[in-house]
Amino acid sequence: MLVTLADGSTITASTIIPTLVRIDSTKVEYANQNKTRATIFIYHQDDRNTLDFYRRMIHVSSLG
C-alpha cells in the first residue's frame, strides 16, 4: 500500500495473511441476568516460536 500526503511525502505499508489458527473452544460468561453484557473467551493453541498477534471482531448483528 502506498499513501501520498499533501506535502508529497509517501507512506508505505505491507502485510501478510498468516496461517489459519484453529479455535479449540469458546466460552461465554454473562455479566448480568439480562444477558446484555458478556465476556467471550476463545481458546486456541499458539506456536510460541513465532511472533504474531491476534484480533477478533464480534458483531451483534449482520454486517450487511
N, C-alpha and C. Protein backbone atom coordinates (compact mmCIF):
# COMPACT_ATOMS: atom_id res chain seq x y z
N MET A 1 0.85 -1.16 0.00
CA MET A 1 0.00 0.00 0.00
C MET A 1 0.90 1.23 0.00
N LEU A 2 0.51 2.21 -0.77
CA LEU A 2 1.28 3.45 -0.87
C LEU A 2 0.33 4.63 -0.69
N VAL A 3 0.66 5.52 0.24
CA VAL A 3 -0.15 6.71 0.51
C VAL A 3 0.72 7.92 0.26
N THR A 4 0.24 8.85 -0.57
CA THR A 4 0.97 10.09 -0.82
C THR A 4 0.26 11.21 -0.07
N LEU A 5 1.01 11.92 0.76
CA LEU A 5 0.47 13.02 1.57
C LEU A 5 0.45 14.32 0.77
N ALA A 6 -0.24 15.31 1.31
CA ALA A 6 -0.38 16.60 0.63
C ALA A 6 0.97 17.26 0.38
N ASP A 7 1.95 17.04 1.26
CA ASP A 7 3.27 17.66 1.08
C ASP A 7 4.17 16.86 0.13
N GLY A 8 3.64 15.78 -0.47
CA GLY A 8 4.40 14.98 -1.43
C GLY A 8 5.13 13.79 -0.83
N SER A 9 5.22 13.74 0.49
CA SER A 9 5.88 12.59 1.11
C SER A 9 4.97 11.36 1.02
N THR A 10 5.59 10.20 1.10
CA THR A 10 4.81 8.97 0.95
C THR A 10 4.99 8.06 2.16
N ILE A 11 3.97 7.26 2.40
CA ILE A 11 3.99 6.25 3.45
C ILE A 11 3.69 4.92 2.79
N THR A 12 4.48 3.91 3.09
CA THR A 12 4.23 2.59 2.52
C THR A 12 3.98 1.59 3.65
N ALA A 13 3.21 0.56 3.34
CA ALA A 13 2.92 -0.49 4.32
C ALA A 13 2.65 -1.78 3.58
N SER A 14 2.87 -2.88 4.26
CA SER A 14 2.54 -4.18 3.69
C SER A 14 2.15 -5.12 4.82
N THR A 15 1.46 -6.17 4.47
CA THR A 15 1.05 -7.16 5.46
C THR A 15 0.94 -8.52 4.79
N ILE A 16 0.84 -9.54 5.58
CA ILE A 16 0.60 -10.88 5.07
C ILE A 16 -0.56 -11.49 5.85
N ILE A 17 -1.20 -12.45 5.26
CA ILE A 17 -2.22 -13.20 5.98
C ILE A 17 -1.55 -14.47 6.48
N PRO A 18 -1.46 -14.61 7.80
CA PRO A 18 -0.75 -15.77 8.36
C PRO A 18 -1.56 -17.05 8.19
N THR A 19 -0.98 -18.12 8.62
CA THR A 19 -1.67 -19.40 8.53
C THR A 19 -2.90 -19.40 9.43
N LEU A 20 -3.84 -20.25 9.09
CA LEU A 20 -5.08 -20.37 9.82
C LEU A 20 -4.83 -20.83 11.25
N VAL A 21 -5.48 -20.17 12.22
CA VAL A 21 -5.39 -20.58 13.62
C VAL A 21 -6.72 -21.24 13.97
N ARG A 22 -6.66 -22.51 14.30
CA ARG A 22 -7.88 -23.26 14.62
C ARG A 22 -8.31 -22.98 16.06
N ILE A 23 -9.59 -22.71 16.23
CA ILE A 23 -10.16 -22.46 17.55
C ILE A 23 -10.47 -23.80 18.21
N ASP A 24 -9.98 -24.00 19.43
CA ASP A 24 -10.25 -25.23 20.18
C ASP A 24 -11.64 -25.19 20.80
N SER A 25 -11.98 -24.07 21.43
CA SER A 25 -13.28 -23.95 22.08
C SER A 25 -13.57 -22.49 22.38
N THR A 26 -14.82 -22.22 22.68
CA THR A 26 -15.24 -20.88 23.10
C THR A 26 -16.09 -21.00 24.35
N LYS A 27 -16.15 -19.92 25.09
CA LYS A 27 -16.93 -19.89 26.33
C LYS A 27 -17.50 -18.49 26.49
N VAL A 28 -18.77 -18.38 26.84
CA VAL A 28 -19.42 -17.09 27.06
C VAL A 28 -19.83 -17.00 28.52
N GLU A 29 -19.44 -15.92 29.19
CA GLU A 29 -19.86 -15.66 30.56
C GLU A 29 -20.61 -14.34 30.57
N TYR A 30 -21.88 -14.40 30.95
CA TYR A 30 -22.70 -13.20 31.01
C TYR A 30 -22.47 -12.45 32.31
N ALA A 31 -22.46 -11.11 32.21
CA ALA A 31 -22.17 -10.27 33.36
C ALA A 31 -23.43 -9.94 34.17
N ASN A 32 -24.61 -10.17 33.58
CA ASN A 32 -25.84 -9.89 34.31
C ASN A 32 -26.95 -10.83 33.84
N GLN A 33 -28.06 -10.84 34.56
CA GLN A 33 -29.16 -11.75 34.24
C GLN A 33 -29.87 -11.39 32.94
N ASN A 34 -29.81 -10.14 32.53
CA ASN A 34 -30.45 -9.70 31.29
C ASN A 34 -29.67 -10.11 30.05
N LYS A 35 -28.46 -10.61 30.26
CA LYS A 35 -27.57 -11.04 29.17
C LYS A 35 -27.30 -9.91 28.17
N THR A 36 -27.11 -8.70 28.71
CA THR A 36 -26.79 -7.55 27.86
C THR A 36 -25.29 -7.30 27.77
N ARG A 37 -24.52 -7.89 28.67
CA ARG A 37 -23.06 -7.77 28.63
C ARG A 37 -22.46 -9.16 28.86
N ALA A 38 -21.40 -9.44 28.11
CA ALA A 38 -20.78 -10.75 28.23
C ALA A 38 -19.29 -10.67 27.95
N THR A 39 -18.57 -11.64 28.46
CA THR A 39 -17.17 -11.83 28.13
C THR A 39 -17.09 -13.11 27.31
N ILE A 40 -16.40 -13.05 26.18
CA ILE A 40 -16.26 -14.21 25.31
C ILE A 40 -14.80 -14.67 25.35
N PHE A 41 -14.60 -15.90 25.72
CA PHE A 41 -13.27 -16.49 25.77
C PHE A 41 -13.09 -17.38 24.55
N ILE A 42 -11.97 -17.25 23.88
CA ILE A 42 -11.66 -18.09 22.72
C ILE A 42 -10.32 -18.75 22.99
N TYR A 43 -10.30 -20.07 22.91
CA TYR A 43 -9.09 -20.83 23.21
C TYR A 43 -8.52 -21.44 21.93
N HIS A 44 -7.20 -21.35 21.80
CA HIS A 44 -6.51 -21.94 20.66
C HIS A 44 -5.07 -22.25 21.05
N GLN A 45 -4.41 -23.08 20.29
CA GLN A 45 -3.01 -23.40 20.52
C GLN A 45 -2.15 -22.39 19.75
N ASP A 46 -1.16 -21.83 20.42
CA ASP A 46 -0.30 -20.83 19.79
C ASP A 46 1.12 -21.38 19.67
N ASP A 47 1.74 -21.14 18.53
CA ASP A 47 3.13 -21.50 18.33
C ASP A 47 4.00 -20.44 19.00
N ARG A 48 4.60 -20.77 20.10
CA ARG A 48 5.39 -19.79 20.86
C ARG A 48 6.71 -19.41 20.17
N ASN A 49 7.05 -20.11 19.10
CA ASN A 49 8.28 -19.79 18.36
C ASN A 49 8.07 -18.69 17.34
N THR A 50 6.85 -18.23 17.17
CA THR A 50 6.57 -17.17 16.21
C THR A 50 6.09 -15.92 16.95
N LEU A 51 6.41 -14.77 16.39
CA LEU A 51 5.95 -13.50 16.95
C LEU A 51 4.73 -13.07 16.14
N ASP A 52 3.55 -13.28 16.71
CA ASP A 52 2.34 -12.92 15.99
C ASP A 52 1.29 -12.39 16.97
N PHE A 53 0.30 -11.75 16.43
CA PHE A 53 -0.73 -11.11 17.23
C PHE A 53 -2.09 -11.47 16.65
N TYR A 54 -3.12 -11.46 17.48
CA TYR A 54 -4.46 -11.85 17.05
C TYR A 54 -5.45 -10.74 17.37
N ARG A 55 -6.44 -10.62 16.51
CA ARG A 55 -7.53 -9.68 16.75
C ARG A 55 -8.82 -10.40 16.41
N ARG A 56 -9.81 -10.22 17.24
CA ARG A 56 -11.12 -10.80 16.94
C ARG A 56 -12.13 -9.68 16.87
N MET A 57 -13.09 -9.87 16.01
CA MET A 57 -14.16 -8.90 15.84
C MET A 57 -15.49 -9.61 16.07
N ILE A 58 -16.30 -9.07 16.94
CA ILE A 58 -17.59 -9.66 17.25
C ILE A 58 -18.67 -8.66 16.87
N HIS A 59 -19.59 -9.09 16.03
CA HIS A 59 -20.65 -8.21 15.56
C HIS A 59 -21.99 -8.66 16.15
N VAL A 60 -22.73 -7.72 16.67
CA VAL A 60 -24.01 -8.03 17.29
C VAL A 60 -25.05 -8.40 16.25
N SER A 61 -24.97 -7.79 15.09
CA SER A 61 -25.93 -8.08 14.03
C SER A 61 -25.19 -8.25 12.71
N SER A 62 -25.92 -8.42 11.64
CA SER A 62 -25.34 -8.67 10.34
C SER A 62 -24.50 -7.50 9.86
N LEU A 63 -23.43 -7.80 9.14
CA LEU A 63 -22.61 -6.73 8.55
C LEU A 63 -23.28 -6.15 7.31
N GLY A 64 -24.24 -6.88 6.75
CA GLY A 64 -24.92 -6.43 5.53
C GLY A 64 -25.92 -5.37 5.84
